[in-house]
Amino acid sequence: MKDLDFSLSNNKFKPIEIIEKISESNNWNYQRVLNNKINIVAQGVWHNYSLEINYSEKNDILDLYCFFDLSICIKKQLNFLKLLNIVNRENLNGTFIYFFETNILIFKKKLSEISDNDNFKRDISDTINKIIFICDRFYPAFQIVSWTNELPENAINLAFDSTMGSA
């Protein structure tokens, strides 16, 4: 990763500025929405993922949301919900939530007490990359259960048994 060192004005902790620099170094498209909010589009293996990151200075909490479109055949909704429960039970790094009315699947993660973290630049970069990895990991299972007769218990094996990436 490129060197992410840069000066912060007034020595005030500004995590969204740090995330902007990380986005630039990864060639991710991003938009600073507010002083405490940034939207990023990052390419995964299976999909382009939209991330929204919000910082609450008052609570010293960073909320990270990764969302993407996922249409589900009406007849497959029950199996999809079963898979979603399995995924959320097995994945301890955050939570997937599905909104049927908009066909949006969201992965959500919360980081607290981030201003006390001396390694925030490295840790937040690792966290964002891990979120993209997690979404990529479960994306095929979500797709298969949403459009085929595959059982959730079998589809989850795609996430845990497959190798991602290239050699």
Foldseek 3Di string as FASTA:
>chain_A
DDDQDDDDPPPDDQVVVLVVSLCVVQVWDKDDPDSFKMWTWDDAPVDTWIWIWGADPVFQKIKIKIKDAAAFDPVLVVQLVVLQVVLQVPDPQFHWDADNVRRMIMTIHMDGPLVPDPCNSVVVSVSVVVVSVSCVLLVQLSNCSRPHPDGSVVSNCSSVVDDDDDD
